[in-house]
Amino acid sequence: MALVLTSGPSLEPVTVAEAKAHLRLDGSAEDTLIASLILTSRLHLEAALGFALISQNWTLLLDAWPDGAVTFPIRPVLSVVSARVLSATGTPTVLAASDYVLDGASLAPRLVRSGTGWPQPGKAATGIEIAFTAGFGTLATDVPASIRHALLLLAAHWYEHRDPMEIGGNGANIPKAVSDLLMPYRAVRI
């Protein structure tokens, strides 16, 4: 299984102006730094939670159909753009939307077969391509307020702690308030 980002979000969940207000900064001297901290904080939160915050397009590549449903590694999934199966020569067969049902809001979003069976790929590797859109929506306000606030806190934390870190050393830990704000969104593993 491989996951490929095909187009990232068109905006960040918080603006540079919002972050500067949170940091109580005036002027534009550090706008580039603030923008990079917002981006880095978003990427960190998305990786930690297995989320896409703002709508972004991905392609999931599979070698074969799993038993049962296809589980997406990112949540929430807003839509399936296309599902294609490649022949041995690489010729794609596009599945009809009636061949599957998207359960995109589940804790583990999944694509469920609605017919008898899906065609088998002719390629030994990555013969199934599922293009999908993940995220809470296209607007920053679509992202839950607690996640947006956690992003602001994390960006502020990294703004205040710019010291270089030695790999394996004791760096500045992520603030507990960030972890607490994200707790309701974490997937529980048993």
N, C-alpha and C. Protein backbone atom coordinates (compact mmCIF):
# COMPACT_ATOMS: atom_id res chain seq x y z
N MET A 1 0.85 -1.18 0.00
CA MET A 1 0.00 0.00 0.00
C MET A 1 0.89 1.24 0.00
N ALA A 2 0.51 2.19 -0.81
CA ALA A 2 1.21 3.48 -0.85
C ALA A 2 0.16 4.58 -0.84
N LEU A 3 0.55 5.71 -0.31
CA LEU A 3 -0.34 6.87 -0.23
C LEU A 3 0.40 8.05 -0.83
N VAL A 4 -0.22 8.70 -1.82
CA VAL A 4 0.43 9.79 -2.54
C VAL A 4 -0.44 11.04 -2.45
N LEU A 5 0.15 12.13 -1.98
CA LEU A 5 -0.54 13.41 -1.97
C LEU A 5 -0.52 13.96 -3.38
N THR A 6 -1.70 14.20 -3.97
CA THR A 6 -1.76 14.71 -5.34
C THR A 6 -2.00 16.21 -5.39
N SER A 7 -2.66 16.76 -4.40
CA SER A 7 -2.75 18.22 -4.26
C SER A 7 -3.06 18.56 -2.81
N GLY A 8 -2.22 19.42 -2.27
CA GLY A 8 -2.34 19.81 -0.87
C GLY A 8 -3.46 20.81 -0.65
N PRO A 9 -3.64 21.21 0.59
CA PRO A 9 -4.70 22.17 0.90
C PRO A 9 -4.41 23.53 0.28
N SER A 10 -5.47 24.26 -0.04
CA SER A 10 -5.33 25.57 -0.67
C SER A 10 -5.04 26.67 0.35
N LEU A 11 -5.24 26.37 1.62
CA LEU A 11 -4.97 27.33 2.69
C LEU A 11 -4.67 26.58 3.97
N GLU A 12 -4.21 27.31 4.97
CA GLU A 12 -3.91 26.70 6.26
C GLU A 12 -5.10 26.91 7.21
N PRO A 13 -5.23 26.08 8.24
CA PRO A 13 -6.35 26.22 9.17
C PRO A 13 -6.35 27.53 9.97
N VAL A 14 -5.18 28.13 10.11
CA VAL A 14 -5.09 29.45 10.76
C VAL A 14 -4.25 30.35 9.86
N THR A 15 -4.53 31.62 9.89
CA THR A 15 -3.79 32.59 9.08
C THR A 15 -2.59 33.11 9.84
N VAL A 16 -1.68 33.73 9.11
CA VAL A 16 -0.54 34.39 9.74
C VAL A 16 -1.04 35.47 10.69
N ALA A 17 -2.07 36.20 10.31
CA ALA A 17 -2.61 37.26 11.17
C ALA A 17 -3.16 36.68 12.47
N GLU A 18 -3.84 35.54 12.41
CA GLU A 18 -4.35 34.90 13.63
C GLU A 18 -3.20 34.45 14.52
N ALA A 19 -2.17 33.87 13.93
CA ALA A 19 -1.02 33.43 14.72
C ALA A 19 -0.29 34.61 15.34
N LYS A 20 -0.15 35.70 14.59
CA LYS A 20 0.51 36.89 15.13
C LYS A 20 -0.30 37.48 16.28
N ALA A 21 -1.61 37.49 16.15
CA ALA A 21 -2.46 37.98 17.25
C ALA A 21 -2.29 37.09 18.48
N HIS A 22 -2.22 35.76 18.25
CA HIS A 22 -2.02 34.83 19.36
C HIS A 22 -0.67 35.06 20.04
N LEU A 23 0.35 35.36 19.23
CA LEU A 23 1.70 35.60 19.75
C LEU A 23 1.90 37.03 20.24
N ARG A 24 0.93 37.89 19.98
CA ARG A 24 1.01 39.33 20.31
C ARG A 24 2.20 39.98 19.61
N LEU A 25 2.28 39.73 18.29
CA LEU A 25 3.34 40.30 17.47
C LEU A 25 2.77 41.37 16.55
N ASP A 26 3.54 42.43 16.37
CA ASP A 26 3.21 43.48 15.41
C ASP A 26 4.25 43.47 14.32
N GLY A 27 3.93 44.09 13.20
CA GLY A 27 4.89 44.18 12.11
C GLY A 27 4.90 42.91 11.28
N SER A 28 5.69 42.97 10.21
CA SER A 28 5.71 41.84 9.29
C SER A 28 7.09 41.20 9.17
N ALA A 29 8.01 41.55 10.04
CA ALA A 29 9.39 41.06 9.93
C ALA A 29 9.47 39.54 10.03
N GLU A 30 8.57 38.92 10.78
CA GLU A 30 8.66 37.47 10.97
C GLU A 30 7.51 36.71 10.34
N ASP A 31 6.84 37.31 9.37
CA ASP A 31 5.71 36.65 8.71
C ASP A 31 6.09 35.34 8.04
N THR A 32 7.26 35.29 7.41
CA THR A 32 7.70 34.05 6.76
C THR A 32 7.92 32.96 7.78
N LEU A 33 8.55 33.30 8.90
CA LEU A 33 8.75 32.33 9.97
C LEU A 33 7.41 31.84 10.52
N ILE A 34 6.50 32.77 10.78
CA ILE A 34 5.18 32.41 11.32
C ILE A 34 4.46 31.48 10.35
N ALA A 35 4.49 31.78 9.05
CA ALA A 35 3.85 30.93 8.05
C ALA A 35 4.45 29.54 8.05
N SER A 36 5.77 29.43 8.18
CA SER A 36 6.41 28.11 8.20
C SER A 36 6.07 27.35 9.48
N LEU A 37 5.91 28.07 10.60
CA LEU A 37 5.51 27.40 11.84
C LEU A 37 4.08 26.89 11.77
N ILE A 38 3.21 27.63 11.09
CA ILE A 38 1.82 27.18 10.90
C ILE A 38 1.82 25.92 10.06
N LEU A 39 2.55 25.94 8.95
CA LEU A 39 2.63 24.77 8.07
C LEU A 39 3.18 23.56 8.82
N THR A 40 4.28 23.76 9.52
CA THR A 40 4.91 22.67 10.26
C THR A 40 3.99 22.14 11.35
N SER A 41 3.29 23.02 12.03
CA SER A 41 2.35 22.60 13.08
C SER A 41 1.21 21.81 12.49
N ARG A 42 0.68 22.25 11.34
CA ARG A 42 -0.41 21.50 10.68
C ARG A 42 0.06 20.11 10.31
N LEU A 43 1.23 20.03 9.69
CA LEU A 43 1.75 18.72 9.29
C LEU A 43 1.97 17.82 10.49
N HIS A 44 2.46 18.39 11.59
CA HIS A 44 2.67 17.61 12.81
C HIS A 44 1.34 17.08 13.35
N LEU A 45 0.33 17.95 13.43
CA LEU A 45 -0.98 17.52 13.95
C LEU A 45 -1.62 16.49 13.03
N GLU A 46 -1.51 16.69 11.73
CA GLU A 46 -2.09 15.72 10.80
C GLU A 46 -1.44 14.35 10.96
N ALA A 47 -0.12 14.33 11.10
CA ALA A 47 0.59 13.06 11.27
C ALA A 47 0.24 12.41 12.61
N ALA A 48 0.15 13.22 13.65
CA ALA A 48 -0.15 12.67 14.98
C ALA A 48 -1.56 12.10 15.06
N LEU A 49 -2.50 12.70 14.35
CA LEU A 49 -3.90 12.28 14.44
C LEU A 49 -4.34 11.38 13.29
N GLY A 50 -3.56 11.31 12.21
CA GLY A 50 -4.00 10.58 11.03
C GLY A 50 -5.11 11.32 10.30
N PHE A 51 -5.08 12.64 10.37
CA PHE A 51 -6.11 13.50 9.78
C PHE A 51 -5.58 14.25 8.57
N ALA A 52 -6.50 14.71 7.78
CA ALA A 52 -6.28 15.80 6.83
C ALA A 52 -7.17 16.91 7.36
N LEU A 53 -6.62 18.07 7.64
CA LEU A 53 -7.43 19.13 8.24
C LEU A 53 -8.23 19.89 7.19
N ILE A 54 -7.55 20.48 6.21
CA ILE A 54 -8.21 21.19 5.12
C ILE A 54 -8.24 20.24 3.92
N SER A 55 -9.29 20.31 3.10
CA SER A 55 -9.45 19.40 1.95
C SER A 55 -8.17 19.30 1.13
N GLN A 56 -7.79 18.07 0.85
CA GLN A 56 -6.61 17.77 0.04
C GLN A 56 -6.86 16.46 -0.69
N ASN A 57 -6.21 16.32 -1.83
CA ASN A 57 -6.44 15.14 -2.67
C ASN A 57 -5.29 14.15 -2.53
N TRP A 58 -5.67 12.90 -2.42
CA TRP A 58 -4.71 11.81 -2.24
C TRP A 58 -5.04 10.68 -3.20
N THR A 59 -4.05 9.82 -3.43
CA THR A 59 -4.28 8.57 -4.17
C THR A 59 -3.74 7.43 -3.32
N LEU A 60 -4.61 6.46 -3.09
CA LEU A 60 -4.25 5.25 -2.36
C LEU A 60 -3.96 4.17 -3.40
N LEU A 61 -2.77 3.58 -3.32
CA LEU A 61 -2.35 2.54 -4.26
C LEU A 61 -2.30 1.20 -3.54
N LEU A 62 -2.97 0.21 -4.10
CA LEU A 62 -3.03 -1.12 -3.49
C LEU A 62 -2.56 -2.16 -4.50
N ASP A 63 -1.99 -3.25 -3.99
CA ASP A 63 -1.59 -4.36 -4.84
C ASP A 63 -2.78 -5.25 -5.18
N ALA A 64 -3.66 -5.45 -4.20
CA ALA A 64 -4.83 -6.32 -4.37
C ALA A 64 -5.95 -5.80 -3.47
N TRP A 65 -7.17 -6.23 -3.77
CA TRP A 65 -8.30 -5.84 -2.93
C TRP A 65 -8.21 -6.58 -1.60
N PRO A 66 -8.40 -5.91 -0.48
CA PRO A 66 -8.38 -6.60 0.81
C PRO A 66 -9.68 -7.39 1.01
N ASP A 67 -9.63 -8.33 1.93
CA ASP A 67 -10.87 -9.00 2.32
C ASP A 67 -11.74 -7.97 3.03
N GLY A 68 -12.98 -7.88 2.66
CA GLY A 68 -13.86 -6.88 3.26
C GLY A 68 -13.66 -5.53 2.60
N ALA A 69 -13.61 -4.49 3.39
CA ALA A 69 -13.55 -3.12 2.89
C ALA A 69 -12.12 -2.61 2.77
N VAL A 70 -11.96 -1.60 1.92
CA VAL A 70 -10.70 -0.88 1.82
C VAL A 70 -10.69 0.18 2.92
N THR A 71 -9.68 0.15 3.77
CA THR A 71 -9.58 1.13 4.86
C THR A 71 -8.61 2.23 4.45
N PHE A 72 -9.06 3.48 4.61
CA PHE A 72 -8.22 4.62 4.27
C PHE A 72 -7.32 4.97 5.46
N PRO A 73 -6.05 5.32 5.21
CA PRO A 73 -5.14 5.65 6.30
C PRO A 73 -5.26 7.09 6.80
N ILE A 74 -6.12 7.88 6.18
CA ILE A 74 -6.34 9.28 6.57
C ILE A 74 -7.82 9.48 6.80
N ARG A 75 -8.17 10.35 7.72
CA ARG A 75 -9.57 10.66 7.97
C ARG A 75 -9.76 12.15 8.17
N PRO A 76 -10.92 12.68 8.04
CA PRO A 76 -12.10 12.09 7.41
C PRO A 76 -11.97 12.12 5.89
N VAL A 77 -12.66 11.20 5.24
CA VAL A 77 -12.66 11.14 3.78
C VAL A 77 -13.97 11.77 3.31
N LEU A 78 -13.85 12.82 2.49
CA LEU A 78 -15.02 13.53 2.01
C LEU A 78 -15.65 12.89 0.78
N SER A 79 -14.81 12.38 -0.13
CA SER A 79 -15.35 11.78 -1.34
C SER A 79 -14.30 10.92 -2.02
N VAL A 80 -14.78 10.00 -2.85
CA VAL A 80 -13.92 9.22 -3.72
C VAL A 80 -14.04 9.85 -5.10
N VAL A 81 -12.93 10.30 -5.64
CA VAL A 81 -12.90 10.92 -6.95
C VAL A 81 -12.99 9.85 -8.03
N SER A 82 -12.20 8.79 -7.88
CA SER A 82 -12.24 7.67 -8.82
C SER A 82 -11.58 6.45 -8.20
N ALA A 83 -12.00 5.29 -8.67
CA ALA A 83 -11.36 4.02 -8.30
C ALA A 83 -11.06 3.31 -9.61
N ARG A 84 -9.77 3.02 -9.82
CA ARG A 84 -9.33 2.41 -11.08
C ARG A 84 -8.55 1.13 -10.81
N VAL A 85 -8.73 0.18 -11.71
CA VAL A 85 -7.98 -1.07 -11.67
C VAL A 85 -7.18 -1.14 -12.96
N LEU A 86 -5.87 -1.43 -12.84
CA LEU A 86 -4.99 -1.46 -14.01
C LEU A 86 -4.78 -2.88 -14.51
N SER A 87 -4.81 -3.03 -15.82
CA SER A 87 -4.52 -4.32 -16.44
C SER A 87 -3.00 -4.54 -16.44
N ALA A 88 -2.56 -5.69 -16.92
CA ALA A 88 -1.14 -6.01 -16.99
C ALA A 88 -0.39 -5.01 -17.86
N THR A 89 -1.08 -4.42 -18.85
CA THR A 89 -0.44 -3.43 -19.73
C THR A 89 -0.57 -2.01 -19.19
N GLY A 90 -1.27 -1.84 -18.07
CA GLY A 90 -1.44 -0.52 -17.48
C GLY A 90 -2.70 0.20 -17.92
N THR A 91 -3.54 -0.47 -18.68
CA THR A 91 -4.80 0.13 -19.12
C THR A 91 -5.77 0.18 -17.94
N PRO A 92 -6.29 1.37 -17.62
CA PRO A 92 -7.18 1.47 -16.46
C PRO A 92 -8.63 1.12 -16.79
N THR A 93 -9.28 0.49 -15.83
CA THR A 93 -10.72 0.28 -15.85
C THR A 93 -11.27 1.07 -14.67
N VAL A 94 -12.12 2.05 -14.95
CA VAL A 94 -12.69 2.88 -13.90
C VAL A 94 -13.94 2.20 -13.36
N LEU A 95 -13.99 2.03 -12.05
CA LEU A 95 -15.16 1.43 -11.43
C LEU A 95 -16.30 2.46 -11.39
N ALA A 96 -17.49 1.98 -11.58
CA ALA A 96 -18.66 2.85 -11.47
C ALA A 96 -18.89 3.21 -10.00
N ALA A 97 -19.37 4.40 -9.76
CA ALA A 97 -19.64 4.83 -8.38
C ALA A 97 -20.65 3.91 -7.70
N SER A 98 -21.47 3.23 -8.46
CA SER A 98 -22.45 2.30 -7.88
C SER A 98 -21.80 1.00 -7.40
N ASP A 99 -20.51 0.80 -7.72
CA ASP A 99 -19.81 -0.42 -7.29
C ASP A 99 -19.31 -0.35 -5.86
N TYR A 100 -19.38 0.83 -5.24
CA TYR A 100 -18.86 0.98 -3.89
C TYR A 100 -19.65 2.04 -3.12
N VAL A 101 -19.52 1.98 -1.81
CA VAL A 101 -20.12 2.95 -0.90
C VAL A 101 -19.02 3.48 -0.01
N LEU A 102 -18.95 4.79 0.14
CA LEU A 102 -17.96 5.41 1.01
C LEU A 102 -18.53 5.61 2.40
N ASP A 103 -17.82 5.11 3.39
CA ASP A 103 -18.11 5.38 4.80
C ASP A 103 -16.96 6.26 5.27
N GLY A 104 -17.03 7.56 4.95
CA GLY A 104 -15.91 8.46 5.15
C GLY A 104 -15.78 9.09 6.51
N ALA A 105 -16.84 9.08 7.31
CA ALA A 105 -16.80 9.75 8.60
C ALA A 105 -16.44 8.81 9.75
N SER A 106 -16.30 7.54 9.48
CA SER A 106 -15.96 6.58 10.54
C SER A 106 -14.59 6.85 11.12
N LEU A 107 -14.35 6.30 12.28
CA LEU A 107 -13.03 6.41 12.90
C LEU A 107 -11.97 5.84 11.96
N ALA A 108 -12.31 4.79 11.24
CA ALA A 108 -11.46 4.24 10.19
C ALA A 108 -12.27 4.29 8.90
N PRO A 109 -12.15 5.39 8.14
CA PRO A 109 -12.95 5.50 6.91
C PRO A 109 -12.70 4.31 5.99
N ARG A 110 -13.76 3.91 5.27
CA ARG A 110 -13.61 2.73 4.44
C ARG A 110 -14.45 2.83 3.18
N LEU A 111 -14.04 2.05 2.20
CA LEU A 111 -14.74 1.92 0.94
C LEU A 111 -15.29 0.50 0.92
N VAL A 112 -16.61 0.40 0.87
CA VAL A 112 -17.28 -0.90 0.96
C VAL A 112 -17.81 -1.28 -0.42
N ARG A 113 -17.59 -2.51 -0.80
CA ARG A 113 -18.10 -3.03 -2.08
C ARG A 113 -19.61 -3.11 -2.01
N SER A 114 -20.29 -2.64 -3.06
CA SER A 114 -21.75 -2.72 -3.05
C SER A 114 -22.25 -3.74 -4.08
N GLY A 115 -21.36 -4.30 -4.86
CA GLY A 115 -21.75 -5.32 -5.84
C GLY A 115 -21.20 -6.67 -5.47
N THR A 116 -21.10 -7.52 -6.45
CA THR A 116 -20.62 -8.88 -6.20
C THR A 116 -19.12 -8.95 -6.01
N GLY A 117 -18.38 -8.22 -6.80
CA GLY A 117 -16.93 -8.27 -6.67
C GLY A 117 -16.28 -7.22 -7.55
N TRP A 118 -15.05 -6.92 -7.24
CA TRP A 118 -14.30 -5.95 -8.02
C TRP A 118 -13.35 -6.69 -8.95
N PRO A 119 -13.04 -6.09 -10.09
CA PRO A 119 -12.08 -6.75 -10.99
C PRO A 119 -10.69 -6.79 -10.35
N GLN A 120 -9.99 -7.86 -10.63
CA GLN A 120 -8.65 -8.02 -10.08
C GLN A 120 -7.65 -7.28 -10.96
N PRO A 121 -6.65 -6.67 -10.35
CA PRO A 121 -5.64 -5.95 -11.15
C PRO A 121 -4.75 -6.94 -11.91
N GLY A 122 -4.25 -6.48 -13.06
CA GLY A 122 -3.33 -7.29 -13.84
C GLY A 122 -1.89 -7.05 -13.45
N LYS A 123 -1.63 -5.92 -12.79
CA LYS A 123 -0.28 -5.60 -12.32
C LYS A 123 -0.03 -6.27 -10.98
N ALA A 124 1.19 -6.70 -10.76
CA ALA A 124 1.53 -7.35 -9.49
C ALA A 124 1.62 -6.35 -8.34
N ALA A 125 1.98 -5.10 -8.66
CA ALA A 125 2.13 -4.08 -7.62
C ALA A 125 1.39 -2.82 -8.04
N THR A 126 0.73 -2.21 -7.09
CA THR A 126 -0.01 -0.95 -7.25
C THR A 126 -0.95 -0.96 -8.46
N GLY A 127 -1.69 -2.03 -8.61
CA GLY A 127 -2.64 -2.15 -9.70
C GLY A 127 -4.01 -1.58 -9.40
N ILE A 128 -4.19 -1.08 -8.19
CA ILE A 128 -5.47 -0.45 -7.81
C ILE A 128 -5.17 0.96 -7.37
N GLU A 129 -5.86 1.93 -7.95
CA GLU A 129 -5.67 3.34 -7.62
C GLU A 129 -7.00 3.94 -7.18
N ILE A 130 -7.03 4.43 -5.96
CA ILE A 130 -8.24 5.07 -5.45
C ILE A 130 -7.90 6.53 -5.15
N ALA A 131 -8.45 7.43 -5.96
CA ALA A 131 -8.24 8.86 -5.75
C ALA A 131 -9.36 9.37 -4.86
N PHE A 132 -8.99 10.12 -3.81
CA PHE A 132 -10.00 10.60 -2.87
C PHE A 132 -9.64 11.96 -2.30
N THR A 133 -10.65 12.60 -1.75
CA THR A 133 -10.48 13.90 -1.09
C THR A 133 -10.70 13.69 0.40
N ALA A 134 -9.74 14.16 1.19
CA ALA A 134 -9.82 14.02 2.64
C ALA A 134 -9.73 15.39 3.28
N GLY A 135 -10.30 15.53 4.46
CA GLY A 135 -10.26 16.77 5.21
C GLY A 135 -11.61 17.10 5.82
N PHE A 136 -11.63 18.12 6.65
CA PHE A 136 -12.89 18.55 7.26
C PHE A 136 -13.70 19.42 6.31
N GLY A 137 -13.04 20.05 5.35
CA GLY A 137 -13.71 20.92 4.39
C GLY A 137 -12.70 21.86 3.76
N THR A 138 -13.20 22.78 2.94
CA THR A 138 -12.32 23.69 2.20
C THR A 138 -12.01 24.97 2.96
N LEU A 139 -12.72 25.23 4.04
CA LEU A 139 -12.54 26.46 4.80
C LEU A 139 -11.84 26.19 6.13
N ALA A 140 -11.09 27.17 6.60
CA ALA A 140 -10.43 27.04 7.90
C ALA A 140 -11.46 26.82 9.01
N THR A 141 -12.62 27.43 8.87
CA THR A 141 -13.66 27.29 9.90
C THR A 141 -14.30 25.90 9.90
N ASP A 142 -14.02 25.08 8.89
CA ASP A 142 -14.52 23.70 8.88
C ASP A 142 -13.74 22.82 9.86
N VAL A 143 -12.52 23.23 10.19
CA VAL A 143 -11.67 22.49 11.13
C VAL A 143 -12.18 22.77 12.55
N PRO A 144 -12.35 21.74 13.38
CA PRO A 144 -12.82 21.98 14.75
C PRO A 144 -11.97 23.02 15.48
N ALA A 145 -12.64 23.86 16.25
CA ALA A 145 -11.97 24.97 16.94
C ALA A 145 -10.86 24.48 17.86
N SER A 146 -11.04 23.34 18.52
CA SER A 146 -10.00 22.86 19.44
C SER A 146 -8.73 22.46 18.68
N ILE A 147 -8.87 21.93 17.47
CA ILE A 147 -7.69 21.58 16.68
C ILE A 147 -7.01 22.85 16.19
N ARG A 148 -7.77 23.84 15.79
CA ARG A 148 -7.19 25.12 15.35
C ARG A 148 -6.44 25.78 16.52
N HIS A 149 -7.01 25.70 17.72
CA HIS A 149 -6.35 26.29 18.89
C HIS A 149 -5.07 25.51 19.23
N ALA A 150 -5.12 24.19 19.13
CA ALA A 150 -3.92 23.39 19.37
C ALA A 150 -2.82 23.75 18.37
N LEU A 151 -3.21 24.01 17.12
CA LEU A 151 -2.24 24.42 16.11
C LEU A 151 -1.60 25.75 16.49
N LEU A 152 -2.40 26.71 16.96
CA LEU A 152 -1.86 28.00 17.41
C LEU A 152 -0.90 27.82 18.58
N LEU A 153 -1.27 26.98 19.54
CA LEU A 153 -0.40 26.73 20.70
C LEU A 153 0.91 26.08 20.28
N LEU A 154 0.84 25.14 19.34
CA LEU A 154 2.05 24.46 18.90
C LEU A 154 2.96 25.42 18.11
N ALA A 155 2.38 26.23 17.25
CA ALA A 155 3.17 27.22 16.51
C ALA A 155 3.83 28.20 17.48
N ALA A 156 3.10 28.64 18.50
CA ALA A 156 3.65 29.55 19.50
C ALA A 156 4.78 28.87 20.29
N HIS A 157 4.60 27.60 20.61
CA HIS A 157 5.62 26.84 21.32
C HIS A 157 6.91 26.79 20.50
N TRP A 158 6.79 26.49 19.22
CA TRP A 158 7.97 26.41 18.37
C TRP A 158 8.56 27.79 18.09
N TYR A 159 7.75 28.81 18.14
CA TYR A 159 8.26 30.18 17.99
C TYR A 159 9.15 30.53 19.19
N GLU A 160 8.71 30.13 20.38
CA GLU A 160 9.46 30.44 21.61
C GLU A 160 10.67 29.52 21.83
N HIS A 161 10.65 28.32 21.28
CA HIS A 161 11.73 27.34 21.47
C HIS A 161 12.39 27.07 20.13
N ARG A 162 13.30 27.95 19.74
CA ARG A 162 13.97 27.84 18.44
C ARG A 162 15.34 27.21 18.54
N ASP A 163 15.74 26.83 19.70
CA ASP A 163 17.08 26.26 19.87
C ASP A 163 17.23 25.00 19.05
N PRO A 164 18.41 24.80 18.47
CA PRO A 164 18.62 23.55 17.74
C PRO A 164 18.59 22.38 18.72
N MET A 165 18.10 21.25 18.25
CA MET A 165 18.00 20.07 19.08
C MET A 165 18.93 18.99 18.56
N GLU A 166 19.61 18.35 19.47
CA GLU A 166 20.42 17.21 19.10
C GLU A 166 19.51 16.00 19.02
N ILE A 167 19.65 15.21 17.93
CA ILE A 167 18.81 14.03 17.78
C ILE A 167 19.07 13.09 18.94
N GLY A 168 18.02 12.67 19.59
CA GLY A 168 18.13 11.81 20.76
C GLY A 168 18.29 12.57 22.05
N GLY A 169 18.42 13.90 21.96
CA GLY A 169 18.56 14.71 23.17
C GLY A 169 17.21 15.10 23.73
N ASN A 170 17.23 15.73 24.88
CA ASN A 170 16.00 16.20 25.50
C ASN A 170 15.67 17.59 24.97
N GLY A 171 14.72 17.64 24.06
CA GLY A 171 14.28 18.92 23.51
C GLY A 171 13.12 19.46 24.32
N ALA A 172 12.58 20.55 23.84
CA ALA A 172 11.40 21.12 24.47
C ALA A 172 10.19 20.27 24.08
N ASN A 173 9.57 19.64 25.05
CA ASN A 173 8.42 18.77 24.80
C ASN A 173 7.22 19.56 24.32
N ILE A 174 6.37 18.87 23.57
CA ILE A 174 5.11 19.47 23.12
C ILE A 174 4.29 19.80 24.37
N PRO A 175 3.74 21.00 24.44
CA PRO A 175 2.97 21.37 25.64
C PRO A 175 1.78 20.42 25.88
N LYS A 176 1.53 20.14 27.14
CA LYS A 176 0.43 19.25 27.51
C LYS A 176 -0.91 19.81 27.04
N ALA A 177 -1.06 21.12 27.01
CA ALA A 177 -2.31 21.72 26.56
C ALA A 177 -2.62 21.33 25.11
N VAL A 178 -1.60 21.21 24.27
CA VAL A 178 -1.81 20.79 22.88
C VAL A 178 -2.34 19.35 22.88
N SER A 179 -1.68 18.47 23.63
CA SER A 179 -2.12 17.08 23.71
C SER A 179 -3.53 16.96 24.26
N ASP A 180 -3.84 17.76 25.26
CA ASP A 180 -5.18 17.72 25.86
C ASP A 180 -6.26 18.15 24.86
N LEU A 181 -5.97 19.18 24.08
CA LEU A 181 -6.94 19.65 23.08
C LEU A 181 -7.18 18.60 21.99
N LEU A 182 -6.17 17.80 21.69
CA LEU A 182 -6.28 16.80 20.63
C LEU A 182 -6.82 15.46 21.11
N MET A 183 -6.89 15.27 22.43
CA MET A 183 -7.30 13.98 22.99
C MET A 183 -8.62 13.44 22.41
N PRO A 184 -9.66 14.25 22.25
CA PRO A 184 -10.92 13.69 21.72
C PRO A 184 -10.82 13.18 20.29
N TYR A 185 -9.78 13.55 19.56
CA TYR A 185 -9.64 13.17 18.16
C TYR A 185 -8.68 12.01 17.93
N ARG A 186 -8.04 11.55 18.97
CA ARG A 186 -7.09 10.45 18.83
C ARG A 186 -7.84 9.14 18.65
N ALA A 187 -7.29 8.29 17.81
CA ALA A 187 -7.82 6.95 17.62
C ALA A 187 -7.31 6.08 18.77
N VAL A 188 -8.21 5.38 19.42
CA VAL A 188 -7.85 4.51 20.53
C VAL A 188 -7.46 3.15 19.95
N ARG A 189 -6.30 2.66 20.34
CA ARG A 189 -5.84 1.36 19.88
C ARG A 189 -5.85 0.38 21.03
N ILE A 190 -6.35 -0.77 20.75
CA ILE A 190 -6.43 -1.81 21.81
C ILE A 190 -5.44 -2.91 21.50
